[in-house]
PDB file of N, CA and C in Angstrom:
ATOM      1  N   MET A   1    -250.467  66.182-169.565  1.00  0.00           N
ATOM      2  CA  MET A   1    -249.149  65.248-169.915  1.00  0.00           C
ATOM      3  C   MET A   1    -248.618  64.286-168.361  1.00  0.00           C
ATOM      4  N   LYS A   2    -249.310  64.717-167.484  1.00  0.00           N
ATOM      5  CA  LYS A   2    -248.878  63.663-166.395  1.00  0.00           C
ATOM      6  C   LYS A   2    -249.828  62.844-166.255  1.00  0.00           C
ATOM      7  N   LEU A   3    -251.064  62.713-166.842  1.00  0.00           N
ATOM      8  CA  LEU A   3    -251.915  61.407-166.904  1.00  0.00           C
ATOM      9  C   LEU A   3    -251.060  60.345-167.638  1.00  0.00           C
ATOM     10  N   ILE A   4    -250.354  60.814-168.453  1.00  0.00           N
ATOM     11  CA  ILE A   4    -249.918  59.871-170.065  1.00  0.00           C
ATOM     12  C   ILE A   4    -248.339  59.531-168.923  1.00  0.00           C
ATOM     13  N   LEU A   5    -247.985  60.230-168.224  1.00  0.00           N
ATOM     14  CA  LEU A   5    -246.558  59.748-167.487  1.00  0.00           C
ATOM     15  C   LEU A   5    -247.121  58.680-166.352  1.00  0.00           C
ATOM     16  N   ARG A   6    -248.128  59.270-165.919  1.00  0.00           N
ATOM     17  CA  ARG A   6    -248.693  57.901-164.679  1.00  0.00           C
ATOM     18  C   ARG A   6    -249.272  56.663-165.377  1.00  0.00           C
ATOM     19  N   LEU A   7    -250.041  56.647-166.536  1.00  0.00           N
ATOM     20  CA  LEU A   7    -250.059  55.668-167.238  1.00  0.00           C
ATOM     21  C   LEU A   7    -249.090  55.044-167.445  1.00  0.00           C
ATOM     22  N   LEU A   8    -247.767  55.232-168.164  1.00  0.00           N
ATOM     23  CA  LEU A   8    -246.707  54.660-168.488  1.00  0.00           C
ATOM     24  C   LEU A   8    -246.241  53.978-167.499  1.00  0.00           C
ATOM     25  N   VAL A   9    -245.953  54.853-166.265  1.00  0.00           N
ATOM     26  CA  VAL A   9    -245.254  54.234-165.032  1.00  0.00           C
ATOM     27  C   VAL A   9    -245.865  52.954-164.722  1.00  0.00           C
ATOM     28  N   THR A  10    -247.236  53.137-164.313  1.00  0.00           N
ATOM     29  CA  THR A  10    -248.115  51.954-164.216  1.00  0.00           C
ATOM     30  C   THR A  10    -248.312  50.618-164.941  1.00  0.00           C
ATOM     31  N   ALA A  11    -247.818  51.164-165.995  1.00  0.00           N
ATOM     32  CA  ALA A  11    -248.093  50.001-166.951  1.00  0.00           C
ATOM     33  C   ALA A  11    -246.257  49.494-167.027  1.00  0.00           C
ATOM     34  N   ALA A  12    -245.322  49.977-166.694  1.00  0.00           N
ATOM     35  CA  ALA A  12    -244.011  49.529-166.339  1.00  0.00           C
ATOM     36  C   ALA A  12    -244.072  48.882-165.014  1.00  0.00           C
ATOM     37  N   LEU A  13    -244.529  49.165-164.267  1.00  0.00           N
ATOM     38  CA  LEU A  13    -244.538  48.713-162.794  1.00  0.00           C
ATOM     39  C   LEU A  13    -245.488  47.020-163.086  1.00  0.00           C
ATOM     40  N   VAL A  14    -246.622  47.320-163.887  1.00  0.00           N
ATOM     41  CA  VAL A  14    -246.992  46.081-164.107  1.00  0.00           C
ATOM     42  C   VAL A  14    -246.541  44.712-164.337  1.00  0.00           C
ATOM     43  N   LEU A  15    -245.635  45.153-166.010  1.00  0.00           N
ATOM     44  CA  LEU A  15    -245.030  44.336-166.515  1.00  0.00           C
ATOM     45  C   LEU A  15    -243.781  44.009-165.656  1.00  0.00           C
ATOM     46  N   LEU A  16    -243.321  44.621-164.471  1.00  0.00           N
ATOM     47  CA  LEU A  16    -242.162  44.367-163.653  1.00  0.00           C
ATOM     48  C   LEU A  16    -242.705  43.017-162.215  1.00  0.00           C
ATOM     49  N   ILE A  17    -243.862  43.824-161.909  1.00  0.00           N
ATOM     50  CA  ILE A  17    -244.347  42.849-161.044  1.00  0.00           C
ATOM     51  C   ILE A  17    -244.717  41.462-161.817  1.00  0.00           C
ATOM     52  N   ALA A  18    -245.464  41.366-162.682  1.00  0.00           N
ATOM     53  CA  ALA A  18    -245.420  40.233-163.391  1.00  0.00           C
ATOM     54  C   ALA A  18    -244.373  39.557-163.703  1.00  0.00           C
ATOM     55  N   ASN A  19    -243.198  40.308-163.898  1.00  0.00           N
ATOM     56  CA  ASN A  19    -241.638  39.300-164.230  1.00  0.00           C
ATOM     57  C   ASN A  19    -241.387  38.642-162.738  1.00  0.00           C
ATOM     58  N   PHE A  20    -241.581  39.014-161.651  1.00  0.00           N
ATOM     59  CA  PHE A  20    -241.352  38.656-160.587  1.00  0.00           C
ATOM     60  C   PHE A  20    -242.138  37.874-159.300  1.00  0.00           C
ATOM     61  N   LEU A  21    -243.440  38.244-159.653  1.00  0.00           N
ATOM     62  CA  LEU A  21    -244.401  37.554-158.687  1.00  0.00           C
ATOM     63  C   LEU A  21    -245.201  36.533-159.542  1.00  0.00           C
ATOM     64  N   PRO A  22    -245.006  35.286-159.221  1.00  0.00           N
ATOM     65  CA  PRO A  22    -245.602  34.388-159.790  1.00  0.00           C
ATOM     66  C   PRO A  22    -246.930  34.623-159.721  1.00  0.00           C
ATOM     67  N   GLY A  23    -247.598  33.766-160.905  1.00  0.00           N
ATOM     68  CA  GLY A  23    -249.032  33.628-160.679  1.00  0.00           C
ATOM     69  C   GLY A  23    -249.602  34.861-161.428  1.00  0.00           C
ATOM     70  N   VAL A  24    -249.043  36.241-161.829  1.00  0.00           N
ATOM     71  CA  VAL A  24    -249.566  37.188-162.414  1.00  0.00           C
ATOM     72  C   VAL A  24    -248.909  36.846-163.884  1.00  0.00           C
ATOM     73  N   HIS A  25    -250.082  37.015-164.968  1.00  0.00           N
ATOM     74  CA  HIS A  25    -249.223  36.931-166.504  1.00  0.00           C
ATOM     75  C   HIS A  25    -249.787  38.176-167.115  1.00  0.00           C
ATOM     76  N   VAL A  26    -248.409  38.889-168.172  1.00  0.00           N
ATOM     77  CA  VAL A  26    -248.941  40.148-168.849  1.00  0.00           C
ATOM     78  C   VAL A  26    -248.454  39.569-170.060  1.00  0.00           C
ATOM     79  N   ALA A  27    -249.195  39.642-171.291  1.00  0.00           N
ATOM     80  CA  ALA A  27    -248.883  39.483-172.517  1.00  0.00           C
ATOM     81  C   ALA A  27    -248.147  39.976-173.166  1.00  0.00           C
ATOM     82  N   SER A  28    -248.146  41.526-172.998  1.00  0.00           N
ATOM     83  CA  SER A  28    -246.858  42.275-173.735  1.00  0.00           C
ATOM     84  C   SER A  28    -247.133  43.750-172.799  1.00  0.00           C
ATOM     85  N   PHE A  29    -246.154  44.842-173.104  1.00  0.00           N
ATOM     86  CA  PHE A  29    -246.506  46.072-172.760  1.00  0.00           C
ATOM     87  C   PHE A  29    -247.893  46.796-172.953  1.00  0.00           C
ATOM     88  N   ALA A  30    -248.380  46.715-174.199  1.00  0.00           N
ATOM     89  CA  ALA A  30    -249.172  47.160-175.207  1.00  0.00           C
ATOM     90  C   ALA A  30    -250.544  46.359-173.907  1.00  0.00           C
ATOM     91  N   THR A  31    -250.460  45.413-173.443  1.00  0.00           N
ATOM     92  CA  THR A  31    -251.182  44.975-172.744  1.00  0.00           C
ATOM     93  C   THR A  31    -251.216  45.526-171.175  1.00  0.00           C
ATOM     94  N   ALA A  32    -250.072  45.613-171.043  1.00  0.00           N
ATOM     95  CA  ALA A  32    -249.809  46.436-169.771  1.00  0.00           C
ATOM     96  C   ALA A  32    -250.279  48.004-169.655  1.00  0.00           C
ATOM     97  N   VAL A  33    -250.271  48.722-170.398  1.00  0.00           N
ATOM     98  CA  VAL A  33    -251.103  50.053-170.816  1.00  0.00           C
ATOM     99  C   VAL A  33    -252.813  50.010-170.887  1.00  0.00           C
ATOM    100  N   ILE A  34    -253.155  48.900-171.195  1.00  0.00           N
ATOM    101  CA  ILE A  34    -254.562  48.570-171.500  1.00  0.00           C
ATOM    102  C   ILE A  34    -255.080  48.348-169.822  1.00  0.00           C
ATOM    103  N   VAL A  35    -254.268  47.309-168.842  1.00  0.00           N
ATOM    104  CA  VAL A  35    -254.162  47.211-167.633  1.00  0.00           C
ATOM    105  C   VAL A  35    -254.238  48.452-166.527  1.00  0.00           C
ATOM    106  N   ALA A  36    -253.408  49.074-166.931  1.00  0.00           N
ATOM    107  CA  ALA A  36    -253.044  51.012-166.277  1.00  0.00           C
ATOM    108  C   ALA A  36    -254.174  51.287-166.480  1.00  0.00           C
ATOM    109  N   VAL A  37    -254.991  51.332-167.712  1.00  0.00           N
ATOM    110  CA  VAL A  37    -255.989  52.273-168.214  1.00  0.00           C
ATOM    111  C   VAL A  37    -257.291  51.807-167.031  1.00  0.00           C
ATOM    112  N   VAL A  38    -257.409  50.732-167.577  1.00  0.00           N
ATOM    113  CA  VAL A  38    -258.783  49.805-166.933  1.00  0.00           C
ATOM    114  C   VAL A  38    -258.359  49.570-165.582  1.00  0.00           C
ATOM    115  N   LEU A  39    -257.351  49.566-164.627  1.00  0.00           N
ATOM    116  CA  LEU A  39    -257.259  49.963-163.448  1.00  0.00           C
ATOM    117  C   LEU A  39    -257.643  51.274-163.126  1.00  0.00           C
ATOM    118  N   GLY A  40    -256.935  52.299-163.598  1.00  0.00           N
ATOM    119  CA  GLY A  40    -257.453  53.376-163.372  1.00  0.00           C
ATOM    120  C   GLY A  40    -259.284  54.169-163.386  1.00  0.00           C
ATOM    121  N   LEU A  41    -259.603  53.385-164.643  1.00  0.00           N
ATOM    122  CA  LEU A  41    -261.206  53.498-164.817  1.00  0.00           C
ATOM    123  C   LEU A  41    -261.927  52.790-163.401  1.00  0.00           C
ATOM    124  N   LEU A  42    -261.621  51.723-163.207  1.00  0.00           N
ATOM    125  CA  LEU A  42    -262.374  50.999-162.122  1.00  0.00           C
ATOM    126  C   LEU A  42    -261.915  51.472-161.056  1.00  0.00           C
ATOM    127  N   ASN A  43    -260.596  52.094-160.528  1.00  0.00           N
ATOM    128  CA  ASN A  43    -260.687  52.989-159.060  1.00  0.00           C
ATOM    129  C   ASN A  43    -261.613  54.239-159.422  1.00  0.00           C
ATOM    130  N   LEU A  44    -261.512  54.618-160.387  1.00  0.00           N
ATOM    131  CA  LEU A  44    -262.429  55.736-160.559  1.00  0.00           C
ATOM    132  C   LEU A  44    -263.921  55.818-160.330  1.00  0.00           C
ATOM    133  N   PHE A  45    -264.393  54.579-160.629  1.00  0.00           N
ATOM    134  CA  PHE A  45    -265.767  54.608-161.050  1.00  0.00           C
ATOM    135  C   PHE A  45    -266.516  53.587-159.991  1.00  0.00           C
ATOM    136  N   ILE A  46    -265.764  51.862-159.851  1.00  0.00           N
ATOM    137  CA  ILE A  46    -266.310  51.083-159.106  1.00  0.00           C
ATOM    138  C   ILE A  46    -265.631  51.081-157.375  1.00  0.00           C
ATOM    139  N   LYS A  47    -264.786  51.473-157.576  1.00  0.00           N
ATOM    140  CA  LYS A  47    -264.147  51.631-156.275  1.00  0.00           C
ATOM    141  C   LYS A  47    -265.165  52.287-155.095  1.00  0.00           C
ATOM    142  N   PRO A  48    -265.287  53.544-155.261  1.00  0.00           N
ATOM    143  CA  PRO A  48    -265.827  54.329-154.305  1.00  0.00           C
ATOM    144  C   PRO A  48    -267.216  53.698-154.091  1.00  0.00           C
ATOM    145  N   ILE A  49    -267.895  53.015-155.095  1.00  0.00           N
ATOM    146  CA  ILE A  49    -269.243  52.313-154.657  1.00  0.00           C
ATOM    147  C   ILE A  49    -268.985  51.289-153.946  1.00  0.00           C
ATOM    148  N   LEU A  50    -267.572  50.355-154.042  1.00  0.00           N
ATOM    149  CA  LEU A  50    -267.619  49.100-153.365  1.00  0.00           C
ATOM    150  C   LEU A  50    -267.226  49.677-151.800  1.00  0.00           C
ATOM    151  N   VAL A  51    -266.535  50.852-152.012  1.00  0.00           N
ATOM    152  CA  VAL A  51    -266.205  51.202-150.065  1.00  0.00           C
ATOM    153  C   VAL A  51    -267.465  52.177-149.785  1.00  0.00           C
ATOM    154  N   ILE A  52    -268.106  52.655-150.653  1.00  0.00           N
ATOM    155  CA  ILE A  52    -269.701  52.862-149.768  1.00  0.00           C
ATOM    156  C   ILE A  52    -270.346  51.844-149.382  1.00  0.00           C
ATOM    157  N   LEU A  53    -270.446  50.565-150.111  1.00  0.00           N
ATOM    158  CA  LEU A  53    -271.348  49.417-149.714  1.00  0.00           C
ATOM    159  C   LEU A  53    -270.496  48.822-148.395  1.00  0.00           C
ATOM    160  N   THR A  54    -269.350  48.463-148.112  1.00  0.00           N
ATOM    161  CA  THR A  54    -268.291  47.932-147.167  1.00  0.00           C
ATOM    162  C   THR A  54    -268.286  48.793-146.169  1.00  0.00           C
ATOM    163  N   LEU A  55    -268.360  49.725-146.184  1.00  0.00           N
ATOM    164  CA  LEU A  55    -268.275  51.027-145.133  1.00  0.00           C
ATOM    165  C   LEU A  55    -268.388  50.087-143.626  1.00  0.00           C
ATOM    166  N   PRO A  56    -269.480  49.684-143.255  1.00  0.00           N
ATOM    167  CA  PRO A  56    -269.402  49.058-141.609  1.00  0.00           C
ATOM    168  C   PRO A  56    -268.241  48.008-141.434  1.00  0.00           C
ATOM    169  N   VAL A  57    -268.173  46.976-142.721  1.00  0.00           N
ATOM    170  CA  VAL A  57    -267.069  46.332-142.488  1.00  0.00           C
ATOM    171  C   VAL A  57    -265.484  47.079-142.497  1.00  0.00           C
ATOM    172  N   THR A  58    -265.423  47.707-143.279  1.00  0.00           N
ATOM    173  CA  THR A  58    -264.103  48.627-143.612  1.00  0.00           C
ATOM    174  C   THR A  58    -263.705  49.380-142.051  1.00  0.00           C
ATOM    175  N   PHE A  59    -265.106  49.701-141.036  1.00  0.00           N
ATOM    176  CA  PHE A  59    -264.999  50.455-140.102  1.00  0.00           C
ATOM    177  C   PHE A  59    -264.973  49.030-139.111  1.00  0.00           C
ATOM    178  N   VAL A  60    -264.990  48.154-138.996  1.00  0.00           N
ATOM    179  CA  VAL A  60    -264.655  47.325-137.989  1.00  0.00           C
ATOM    180  C   VAL A  60    -263.451  46.583-137.883  1.00  0.00           C
ATOM    181  N   THR A  61    -262.804  46.651-139.349  1.00  0.00           N
ATOM    182  CA  THR A  61    -261.712  46.087-139.549  1.00  0.00           C
ATOM    183  C   THR A  61    -260.585  47.199-139.826  1.00  0.00           C
ATOM    184  N   LEU A  62    -260.907  48.484-139.022  1.00  0.00           N
ATOM    185  CA  LEU A  62    -260.166  49.312-139.099  1.00  0.00           C
ATOM    186  C   LEU A  62    -259.357  49.598-140.291  1.00  0.00           C
ATOM    187  N   GLY A  63    -260.115  49.749-141.854  1.00  0.00           N
ATOM    188  CA  GLY A  63    -259.322  49.894-142.962  1.00  0.00           C
ATOM    189  C   GLY A  63    -258.875  48.527-143.717  1.00  0.00           C
ATOM    190  N   LEU A  64    -258.979  47.642-143.111  1.00  0.00           N
ATOM    191  CA  LEU A  64    -257.968  46.536-143.651  1.00  0.00           C
ATOM    192  C   LEU A  64    -258.642  46.019-145.032  1.00  0.00           C
ATOM    193  N   PHE A  65    -260.040  46.246-144.799  1.00  0.00           N
ATOM    194  CA  PHE A  65    -260.879  45.412-145.723  1.00  0.00           C
ATOM    195  C   PHE A  65    -261.077  46.020-146.926  1.00  0.00           C
ATOM    196  N   LEU A  66    -260.177  47.349-147.440  1.00  0.00           N
ATOM    197  CA  LEU A  66    -259.809  47.667-148.569  1.00  0.00           C
ATOM    198  C   LEU A  66    -258.741  47.338-149.149  1.00  0.00           C
ATOM    199  N   LEU A  67    -257.845  46.587-148.441  1.00  0.00           N
ATOM    200  CA  LEU A  67    -257.017  45.584-149.170  1.00  0.00           C
ATOM    201  C   LEU A  67    -257.531  44.523-149.807  1.00  0.00           C
ATOM    202  N   VAL A  68    -258.659  44.045-149.245  1.00  0.00           N
ATOM    203  CA  VAL A  68    -259.403  43.180-149.914  1.00  0.00           C
ATOM    204  C   VAL A  68    -260.396  43.972-151.288  1.00  0.00           C
ATOM    205  N   ILE A  69    -260.888  44.791-151.278  1.00  0.00           N
ATOM    206  CA  ILE A  69    -261.078  46.074-152.168  1.00  0.00           C
ATOM    207  C   ILE A  69    -260.435  45.729-153.492  1.00  0.00           C
ATOM    208  N   ASN A  70    -258.974  46.547-152.929  1.00  0.00           N
ATOM    209  CA  ASN A  70    -258.387  46.488-153.967  1.00  0.00           C
ATOM    210  C   ASN A  70    -257.508  44.917-154.828  1.00  0.00           C
ATOM    211  N   ALA A  71    -257.972  44.453-154.024  1.00  0.00           N
ATOM    212  CA  ALA A  71    -257.747  42.720-154.901  1.00  0.00           C
ATOM    213  C   ALA A  71    -258.961  42.418-155.739  1.00  0.00           C
ATOM    214  N   ILE A  72    -260.084  42.548-155.403  1.00  0.00           N
ATOM    215  CA  ILE A  72    -261.212  42.429-156.150  1.00  0.00           C
ATOM    216  C   ILE A  72    -260.991  43.418-157.115  1.00  0.00           C
ATOM    217  N   ILE A  73    -260.466  44.652-157.605  1.00  0.00           N
ATOM    218  CA  ILE A  73    -260.447  45.537-158.193  1.00  0.00           C
ATOM    219  C   ILE A  73    -259.463  44.885-159.399  1.00  0.00           C
ATOM    220  N   ILE A  74    -258.451  44.012-159.126  1.00  0.00           N
ATOM    221  CA  ILE A  74    -257.759  43.548-159.666  1.00  0.00           C
ATOM    222  C   ILE A  74    -258.370  42.546-160.198  1.00  0.00           C
ATOM    223  N   LEU A  75    -258.929  41.985-159.574  1.00  0.00           N
ATOM    224  CA  LEU A  75    -259.653  40.231-160.494  1.00  0.00           C
ATOM    225  C   LEU A  75    -260.823  40.855-161.471  1.00  0.00           C
ATOM    226  N   LEU A  76    -261.362  42.153-161.222  1.00  0.00           N
ATOM    227  CA  LEU A  76    -262.153  42.682-162.245  1.00  0.00           C
ATOM    228  C   LEU A  76    -261.432  42.945-163.307  1.00  0.00           C
ATOM    229  N   CYS A  77    -260.261  43.343-163.235  1.00  0.00           N
ATOM    230  CA  CYS A  77    -259.311  43.918-164.199  1.00  0.00           C
ATOM    231  C   CYS A  77    -259.240  42.731-165.344  1.00  0.00           C
ATOM    232  N   THR A  78    -258.677  41.551-164.420  1.00  0.00           N
ATOM    233  CA  THR A  78    -258.237  40.023-165.134  1.00  0.00           C
ATOM    234  C   THR A  78    -259.578  39.909-166.276  1.00  0.00           C
ATOM    235  N   ASN A  79    -260.582  39.932-165.533  1.00  0.00           N
ATOM    236  CA  ASN A  79    -261.704  39.636-166.465  1.00  0.00           C
ATOM    237  C   ASN A  79    -262.221  40.800-167.827  1.00  0.00           C
ATOM    238  N   ILE A  80    -261.562  41.647-167.685  1.00  0.00           N
ATOM    239  CA  ILE A  80    -262.133  42.490-168.373  1.00  0.00           C
ATOM    240  C   ILE A  80    -260.941  42.562-169.568  1.00  0.00           C
ATOM    241  N   VAL A  81    -259.336  42.503-169.051  1.00  0.00           N
ATOM    242  CA  VAL A  81    -258.358  42.713-169.917  1.00  0.00           C
ATOM    243  C   VAL A  81    -257.775  41.164-170.419  1.00  0.00           C
ATOM    244  N   GLY A  82    -257.995  40.919-171.710  1.00  0.00           N
ATOM    245  CA  GLY A  82    -257.356  39.817-172.355  1.00  0.00           C
ATOM    246  C   GLY A  82    -255.854  39.969-172.496  1.00  0.00           C
ATOM    247  N   GLY A  83    -255.240  38.643-171.758  1.00  0.00           N
ATOM    248  CA  GLY A  83    -253.737  38.901-172.064  1.00  0.00           C
ATOM    249  C   GLY A  83    -253.346  39.209-170.400  1.00  0.00           C
ATOM    250  N   PHE A  84    -253.664  39.245-169.620  1.00  0.00           N
ATOM    251  CA  PHE A  84    -253.631  39.774-167.976  1.00  0.00           C
ATOM    252  C   PHE A  84    -254.412  39.013-167.459  1.00  0.00           C
ATOM    253  N   ALA A  85    -253.739  38.229-166.841  1.00  0.00           N
ATOM    254  CA  ALA A  85    -254.229  36.671-165.793  1.00  0.00           C
ATOM    255  C   ALA A  85    -253.552  36.984-164.293  1.00  0.00           C
ATOM    256  N   VAL A  86    -254.115  36.993-163.408  1.00  0.00           N
ATOM    257  CA  VAL A  86    -253.753  37.037-162.007  1.00  0.00           C
ATOM    258  C   VAL A  86    -254.319  35.470-161.442  1.00  0.00           C
ATOM    259  N   ASP A  87    -253.391  34.682-161.017  1.00  0.00           N
ATOM    260  CA  ASP A  87    -254.079  33.254-161.011  1.00  0.00           C
ATOM    261  C   ASP A  87    -255.437  33.141-159.810  1.00  0.00           C
ATOM    262  N   THR A  88    -255.004  33.297-158.352  1.00  0.00           N
ATOM    263  CA  THR A  88    -255.495  33.454-157.237  1.00  0.00           C
ATOM    264  C   THR A  88    -255.900  34.775-156.364  1.00  0.00           C
ATOM    265  N   PHE A  89    -256.818  34.970-155.536  1.00  0.00           N
ATOM    266  CA  PHE A  89    -257.221  35.861-154.643  1.00  0.00           C
ATOM    267  C   PHE A  89    -255.965  36.514-154.242  1.00  0.00           C
ATOM    268  N   TRP A  90    -255.316  35.815-153.600  1.00  0.00           N
ATOM    269  CA  TRP A  90    -254.034  35.907-152.827  1.00  0.00           C
ATOM    270  C   TRP A  90    -253.048  36.500-153.540  1.00  0.00           C
ATOM    271  N   THR A  91    -252.776  36.011-154.810  1.00  0.00           N
ATOM    272  CA  THR A  91    -251.880  36.569-155.580  1.00  0.00           C
ATOM    273  C   THR A  91    -252.197  37.816-155.907  1.00  0.00           C
ATOM    274  N   ALA A  92    -253.580  38.607-156.004  1.00  0.00           N
ATOM    275  CA  ALA A  92    -254.336  39.652-156.797  1.00  0.00           C
ATOM    276  C   ALA A  92    -254.083  40.560-155.515  1.00  0.00           C
ATOM    277  N   LEU A  93    -253.980  39.928-154.364  1.00  0.00           N
ATOM    278  CA  LEU A  93    -253.889  40.933-152.972  1.00  0.00           C
ATOM    279  C   LEU A  93    -252.281  41.175-152.894  1.00  0.00           C
ATOM    280  N   PHE A  94    -251.396  40.504-153.204  1.00  0.00           N
ATOM    281  CA  PHE A  94    -250.187  41.152-153.030  1.00  0.00           C
ATOM    282  C   PHE A  94    -249.978  41.598-154.212  1.00  0.00           C
ATOM    283  N   PHE A  95    -250.035  41.403-155.341  1.00  0.00           N
ATOM    284  CA  PHE A  95    -249.964  42.516-156.437  1.00  0.00           C
ATOM    285  C   PHE A  95    -250.586  44.110-156.174  1.00  0.00           C
ATOM    286  N   SER A  96    -251.798  43.867-155.959  1.00  0.00           N
ATOM    287  CA  SER A  96    -252.171  44.914-155.354  1.00  0.00           C
ATOM    288  C   SER A  96    -251.327  45.811-154.383  1.00  0.00           C
ATOM    289  N   ILE A  97    -250.903  45.088-153.443  1.00  0.00           N
ATOM    290  CA  ILE A  97    -249.837  45.686-152.381  1.00  0.00           C
ATOM    291  C   ILE A  97    -248.478  46.389-152.785  1.00  0.00           C
ATOM    292  N   ILE A  98    -248.022  45.193-153.830  1.00  0.00           N
ATOM    293  CA  ILE A  98    -246.715  45.761-154.117  1.00  0.00           C
ATOM    294  C   ILE A  98    -246.807  46.587-155.294  1.00  0.00           C
ATOM    295  N   LEU A  99    -247.886  46.765-156.215  1.00  0.00           N
ATOM    296  CA  LEU A  99    -248.056  47.625-156.991  1.00  0.00           C
ATOM    297  C   LEU A  99    -248.465  48.914-156.452  1.00  0.00           C
ATOM    298  N   SER A 100    -248.873  49.379-155.399  1.00  0.00           N
ATOM    299  CA  SER A 100    -249.287  50.281-154.501  1.00  0.00           C
ATOM    300  C   SER A 100    -248.104  51.136-153.837  1.00  0.00           C
ATOM    301  N   ILE A 101    -247.165  50.074-153.649  1.00  0.00           N
ATOM    302  CA  ILE A 101    -246.037  50.666-153.127  1.00  0.00           C
ATOM    303  C   ILE A 101    -245.068  51.104-153.967  1.00  0.00           C
ATOM    304  N   LEU A 102    -244.796  50.737-154.719  1.00  0.00           N
ATOM    305  CA  LEU A 102    -243.845  51.054-156.232  1.00  0.00           C
ATOM    306  C   LEU A 102    -244.711  52.305-156.717  1.00  0.00           C
ATOM    307  N   GLN A 103    -245.694  52.348-156.754  1.00  0.00           N
ATOM    308  CA  GLN A 103    -246.294  53.642-157.486  1.00  0.00           C
ATOM    309  C   GLN A 103    -245.948  54.680-156.289  1.00  0.00           C
ATOM    310  N   SER A 104    -246.231  54.898-155.421  1.00  0.00           N
ATOM    311  CA  SER A 104    -246.025  55.643-154.511  1.00  0.00           C
ATOM    312  C   SER A 104    -244.264  55.989-154.207  1.00  0.00           C
ATOM    313  N   ILE A 105    -243.432  55.007-154.234  1.00  0.00           N
ATOM    314  CA  ILE A 105    -242.264  55.388-154.214  1.00  0.00           C
ATOM    315  C   ILE A 105    -242.214  55.733-155.656  1.00  0.00           C
ATOM    316  N   THR A 106    -242.574  55.540-156.797  1.00  0.00           N
ATOM    317  CA  THR A 106    -242.021  56.294-158.220  1.00  0.00           C
ATOM    318  C   THR A 106    -242.392  57.426-158.461  1.00  0.00           C
ATOM    319  N   TYR A 107    -243.678  57.669-158.130  1.00  0.00           N
ATOM    320  CA  TYR A 107    -244.399  59.162-158.081  1.00  0.00           C
ATOM    321  C   TYR A 107    -243.952  59.999-157.134  1.00  0.00           C
ATOM    322  N   LYS A 108    -243.197  59.538-156.097  1.00  0.00           N
ATOM    323  CA  LYS A 108    -242.371  60.265-155.132  1.00  0.00           C
ATOM    324  C   LYS A 108    -241.211  60.712-155.688  1.00  0.00           C
ATOM    325  N   ILE A 109    -240.446  59.941-156.453  1.00  0.00           N
ATOM    326  CA  ILE A 109    -239.227  60.017-157.291  1.00  0.00           C
ATOM    327  C   ILE A 109    -239.328  61.154-158.257  1.00  0.00           C
ATOM    328  N   LEU A 110    -240.458  60.852-159.362  1.00  0.00           N
ATOM    329  CA  LEU A 110    -240.927  61.710-160.231  1.00  0.00           C
ATOM    330  C   LEU A 110    -241.216  63.204-159.789  1.00  0.00           C
ATOM    331  N   GLY A 111    -242.087  63.286-158.533  1.00  0.00           N
ATOM    332  CA  GLY A 111    -242.287  64.541-158.052  1.00  0.00           C
ATOM    333  C   GLY A 111    -243.552  64.921-158.443  1.00  0.00           C
ATOM    334  N   ASP A 112    -244.579  63.623-158.876  1.00  0.00           N
ATOM    335  CA  ASP A 112    -245.989  63.999-159.271  1.00  0.00           C
ATOM    336  C   ASP A 112    -246.558  63.420-157.916  1.00  0.00           C
ATOM    337  N   ASP A 113    -246.539  64.198-157.195  1.00  0.00           N
ATOM    338  CA  ASP A 113    -247.322  63.430-155.474  1.00  0.00           C
ATOM    339  C   ASP A 113    -248.816  64.684-155.618  1.00  0.00           C
ATOM    340  N   ASN A 114    -249.255  64.605-156.872  1.00  0.00           N
ATOM    341  CA  ASN A 114    -250.968  65.551-156.684  1.00  0.00           C
ATOM    342  C   ASN A 114    -250.939  66.725-155.655  1.00  0.00           C
ATOM    343  N   LYS A 115    -249.956  67.717-155.358  1.00  0.00           N
ATOM    344  CA  LYS A 115    -249.848  68.280-154.723  1.00  0.00           C
ATOM    345  C   LYS A 115    -250.757  69.482-155.336  1.00  0.00           C
ATOM    346  N   LEU A 116    -251.521  70.239-154.989  1.00  0.00           N
ATOM    347  CA  LEU A 116    -252.101  71.894-155.606  1.00  0.00           C
ATOM    348  C   LEU A 116    -250.783  72.530-155.912  1.00  0.00           C
ATOM    349  N   LYS A 117    -250.910  73.205-156.934  1.00  0.00           N
ATOM    350  CA  LYS A 117    -249.691  74.014-157.199  1.00  0.00           C
ATOM    351  C   LYS A 117    -250.715  75.234-158.195  1.00  0.00           C
TER     352      LYS A 117
END
């Protein structure tokens, strides 16, 4: 049940950000739900591989390169999901930062902070 709630929250946040951030386009709420699912799958399977491959660069930049990896994941999502588009790399970078911050705030408010119970 928590997984469905997290997907719906992420979909709503994607739609919200798309309304305020120029360069991010989402066709509908259904598209936003698909974006949330694809982002979750990319973060689960592709992101760890990218993190391991870029570990030296991430170490040298004190972890800031992880922001670039997040932007790459967003751009991969735009190639996979029709109806979702991010215009530039910088827009994807800002989108990923804003989405991460809003997700953290929302999950804290909802009490879904992934603690073992």
